[in-house]
C-alpha atoms as a PDB file:
ATOM      1  CA  MET A   1     -19.137  91.229 138.300  1.00  0.00           C
ATOM      2  CA  LYS A   2     -17.281  87.635 138.792  1.00  0.00           C
ATOM      3  CA  GLU A   3     -15.195  88.857 136.161  1.00  0.00           C
ATOM      4  CA  THR A   4     -13.653  92.155 138.189  1.00  0.00           C
ATOM      5  CA  ILE A   5     -13.252  89.561 141.150  1.00  0.00           C
ATOM      6  CA  ARG A   6     -11.823  87.061 138.588  1.00  0.00           C
ATOM      7  CA  ASP A   7      -9.333  89.389 137.781  1.00  0.00           C
ATOM      8  CA  ILE A   8      -8.419  90.643 140.883  1.00  0.00           C
ATOM      9  CA  PHE A   9      -7.918  87.867 141.722  1.00  0.00           C
ATOM     10  CA  LEU A  10      -5.432  86.546 138.829  1.00  0.00           C
ATOM     11  CA  MET A  11      -3.154  90.123 139.057  1.00  0.00           C
ATOM     12  CA  GLY A  12      -2.893  88.821 142.785  1.00  0.00           C
ATOM     13  CA  VAL A  13      -1.727  85.426 142.113  1.00  0.00           C
ATOM     14  CA  GLY A  14       0.486  86.933 139.109  1.00  0.00           C
ATOM     15  CA  ALA A  15       2.130  89.096 141.644  1.00  0.00           C
ATOM     16  CA  ALA A  16       2.639  86.490 144.101  1.00  0.00           C
ATOM     17  CA  SER A  17       4.343  84.759 141.145  1.00  0.00           C
ATOM     18  CA  LEU A  18       7.117  87.225 141.771  1.00  0.00           C
ATOM     19  CA  THR A  19       9.205  85.654 143.824  1.00  0.00           C
ATOM     20  CA  ARG A  20      12.753  86.567 145.296  1.00  0.00           C
ATOM     21  CA  LYS A  21      14.726  83.610 143.187  1.00  0.00           C
ATOM     22  CA  LYS A  22      13.081  84.772 140.102  1.00  0.00           C
ATOM     23  CA  ALA A  23      13.946  87.875 140.685  1.00  0.00           C
ATOM     24  CA  GLU A  24      17.392  87.197 141.499  1.00  0.00           C
ATOM     25  CA  ASN A  25      17.544  84.718 138.212  1.00  0.00           C
ATOM     26  CA  THR A  26      16.114  87.839 136.271  1.00  0.00           C
ATOM     27  CA  VAL A  27      18.783  90.468 137.525  1.00  0.00           C
ATOM     28  CA  ARG A  28      21.792  87.801 137.281  1.00  0.00           C
ATOM     29  CA  ALA A  29      20.738  87.026 133.432  1.00  0.00           C
ATOM     30  CA  LEU A  30      20.691  91.296 133.297  1.00  0.00           C
ATOM     31  CA  VAL A  31      24.281  91.717 134.887  1.00  0.00           C
ATOM     32  CA  LYS A  32      25.729  88.851 132.317  1.00  0.00           C
ATOM     33  CA  LYS A  33      24.175  90.485 129.094  1.00  0.00           C
ATOM     34  CA  GLY A  34      26.241  93.645 131.116  1.00  0.00           C
ATOM     35  CA  ILE A  35      23.134  95.884 131.672  1.00  0.00           C
ATOM     36  CA  LEU A  36      23.480  96.346 135.157  1.00  0.00           C
ATOM     37  CA  ASP A  37      26.581  95.840 136.953  1.00  0.00           C
ATOM     38  CA  ASN A  38      26.686  93.871 140.298  1.00  0.00           C
ATOM     39  CA  LYS A  39      26.959  96.526 142.668  1.00  0.00           C
ATOM     40  CA  GLN A  40      22.964  97.958 141.061  1.00  0.00           C
ATOM     41  CA  SER A  41      21.327  94.095 141.121  1.00  0.00           C
ATOM     42  CA  GLY A  42      20.902  94.021 145.124  1.00  0.00           C
ATOM     43  CA  GLU A  43      19.135  96.881 144.883  1.00  0.00           C
ATOM     44  CA  ILE A  44      17.283  95.998 141.939  1.00  0.00           C
ATOM     45  CA  ILE A  45      16.332  93.420 143.581  1.00  0.00           C
ATOM     46  CA  ASN A  46      14.914  94.682 146.968  1.00  0.00           C
ATOM     47  CA  ARG A  47      12.994  97.386 144.876  1.00  0.00           C
ATOM     48  CA  MET A  48      11.330  94.670 142.977  1.00  0.00           C
ATOM     49  CA  MET A  49      10.158  92.470 146.208  1.00  0.00           C
ATOM     50  CA  ARG A  50       8.894  96.054 147.770  1.00  0.00           C
ATOM     51  CA  GLU A  51       7.144  97.439 144.661  1.00  0.00           C
ATOM     52  CA  LYS A  52       5.536  93.467 145.098  1.00  0.00           C
ATOM     53  CA  ALA A  53       4.641  94.300 148.333  1.00  0.00           C
ATOM     54  CA  LYS A  54       2.783  97.310 147.343  1.00  0.00           C
ATOM     55  CA  ILE A  55       1.163  95.878 144.818  1.00  0.00           C
ATOM     56  CA  GLN A  56      -0.128  92.692 146.142  1.00  0.00           C
ATOM     57  CA  GLU A  57      -1.182  95.397 149.555  1.00  0.00           C
ATOM     58  CA  ARG A  58      -3.164  97.274 146.848  1.00  0.00           C
ATOM     59  CA  LEU A  59      -4.970  94.077 145.495  1.00  0.00           C
ATOM     60  CA  LYS A  60      -5.794  92.583 148.460  1.00  0.00           C
ATOM     61  CA  LYS A  61      -7.513  95.901 149.347  1.00  0.00           C
ATOM     62  CA  GLU A  62      -9.401  95.874 145.972  1.00  0.00           C
ATOM     63  CA  GLY A  63     -10.238  92.711 146.134  1.00  0.00           C
ATOM     64  CA  THR A  64     -11.801  92.473 149.448  1.00  0.00           C
ATOM     65  CA  ALA A  65     -13.746  95.954 148.479  1.00  0.00           C
ATOM     66  CA  GLU A  66     -14.967  94.480 145.437  1.00  0.00           C
ATOM     67  CA  VAL A  67     -16.142  91.411 147.565  1.00  0.00           C
ATOM     68  CA  ARG A  68     -17.852  93.786 150.267  1.00  0.00           C
ATOM     69  CA  LYS A  69     -20.217  95.260 147.611  1.00  0.00           C
ATOM     70  CA  THR A  70     -20.963  91.765 146.596  1.00  0.00           C
ATOM     71  CA  ARG A  71     -22.009  90.625 149.389  1.00  0.00           C
ATOM     72  CA  LYS A  72     -23.973  94.107 150.205  1.00  0.00           C
ATOM     73  CA  LYS A  73     -25.750  93.657 146.903  1.00  0.00           C
ATOM     74  CA  ILE A  74     -26.968  89.979 147.398  1.00  0.00           C
ATOM     75  CA  SER A  75     -27.714  90.962 150.956  1.00  0.00           C
ATOM     76  CA  LYS A  76     -29.883  93.986 149.284  1.00  0.00           C
ATOM     77  CA  ASP A  77     -31.287  90.879 146.565  1.00  0.00           C
ATOM     78  CA  ILE A  78     -32.189  88.132 149.186  1.00  0.00           C
ATOM     79  CA  ASN A  79     -34.243  91.007 151.313  1.00  0.00           C
ATOM     80  CA  SER A  80     -35.747  91.492 148.388  1.00  0.00           C
ATOM     81  CA  LEU A  81     -37.183  88.432 147.251  1.00  0.00           C
ATOM     82  CA  THR A  82     -37.666  87.686 151.166  1.00  0.00           C
ATOM     83  CA  ARG A  83     -40.371  90.931 150.855  1.00  0.00           C
ATOM     84  CA  ASN A  84     -41.674  90.200 147.635  1.00  0.00           C
ATOM     85  CA  LEU A  85     -42.336  85.837 148.918  1.00  0.00           C
ATOM     86  CA  ALA A  86     -44.039  87.211 152.219  1.00  0.00           C
ATOM     87  CA  LYS A  87     -46.098  89.992 150.284  1.00  0.00           C
ATOM     88  CA  LYS A  88     -47.305  86.660 147.395  1.00  0.00           C
ATOM     89  CA  ARG A  89     -48.400  84.548 150.717  1.00  0.00           C
ATOM     90  CA  ILE A  90     -50.371  87.601 152.247  1.00  0.00           C
ATOM     91  CA  LYS A  91     -52.260  87.726 148.540  1.00  0.00           C
ATOM     92  CA  LEU A  92     -52.750  83.691 148.843  1.00  0.00           C
END
């Protein structure tokens, strides 16, 4: 469970690190190599930023769901431990 939360966090950091400037630099290099033309570059940068936003939103939702699930499990564990302690005190 810790690994899943860690992985989600790292994916979010990776997606967030793709700034507009980095996208522009990447696209500029592709234009320089003749792979793209200037006309395409603006749309590709915008598409990259839209995709980044979608990925970040999806990761946020998945991360939130995982945290809720973990919190619920911890709460159940605490309640179970509390009941077990109460039973042991009654026996004493």
